[in-house]
Amino acid sequence: MSTDQIQVGIFGGSGFYSLLSDAREVVADTPFGPPSAPVVIGDIGGRNVGFLPRHGPKHELPPHAINYRANVWAMKQLGATDLILPCAAGSLQKHVAPGHFVICDQVVDRTSGRKDTFYDGPETTHVGFAEPYDAEMREVAINAANNLGIPVHERGTLVVIQGPRFSTKAESKWFSSMGWEVINMTQYPEVILARELEMAALNISLITDYDVGLEDDPDVEPVSHAAVVEVFRANNAKLRDLLFEIIPALPLSPDRPSLSALTGARFEP
């Protein structure tokens, strides 16, 4: 394998790069413009892995301004078959506490105006999306989290809001009443774009706080900025350990449904 080819792509921050051996930057060129940053390639457990900070090197890109298509295209161009999409997130349910991880199996899109497809015609393409996340990757992640003693929820629905504003209490209570567990601003359209390029995707939601709709619950402690920052830092440390456990254990099976998502997806008159 070329040193600039990867098997696994991860949208994450610069804190991971120092843990990679022989890390190097690759500047990707895509039909959709430049990605958020160069892709940093390194080795984890004998596998070439690419990291790309979705918000840019200095977190300068708010969620609605990220060039999601360029980011995902860059990973595919470098050879990735599997994408890991960790994200900081809020909890919509009391039992999903700050410091917990959620390996989501479903996603709900509440964004607006984002470029969420590569297929604008003339070939009409309808990609199946009933199961957004890869079952094989999810199983590996759940086992790895359990092995490391990380409090983990084995399933969950992630609702993605437009941002950059947070939800109102009414919106948050509505999301909670639907039974959804997690709220975030970036997971969509990353996950559908991965599917359109026939890559398997894994979400790891890092819970930093309870969302605003739970604030009136007497059993929920009020959230402070200092507490969120503390949990965020602890979550990042646990995520690094988790990624180093997950990546060498991924089977990278070639026959998973997402890797042939375009089969039968195009309308032919």
Foldseek 3Di string as FASTA:
>chain_A
DDQQAFAEEEADAPVLLVVFPPWDWDFDDDPQGGAQGTWIWGDFLRGIYTYHHQCHHVNPRFQLRGSLLNVLVRNVVRPYQEYEYEDEWAWLDPVQFAQAKEWAFAEAEAAPDHPQDPDPDPWQFDFDCPGLAFPLLLVLLVVLCVVVVRHYHSYFYEYAYADPDADDLVVSNVCSVVVGTIYYHHVPPNSSSSLNSLHHYIYMYRHQYHGPNCPVPPVGDDDDPVSSVVSVVVSVVVVSSSCSSRPNVRPSDCPTCSNPRRVVGTDDD
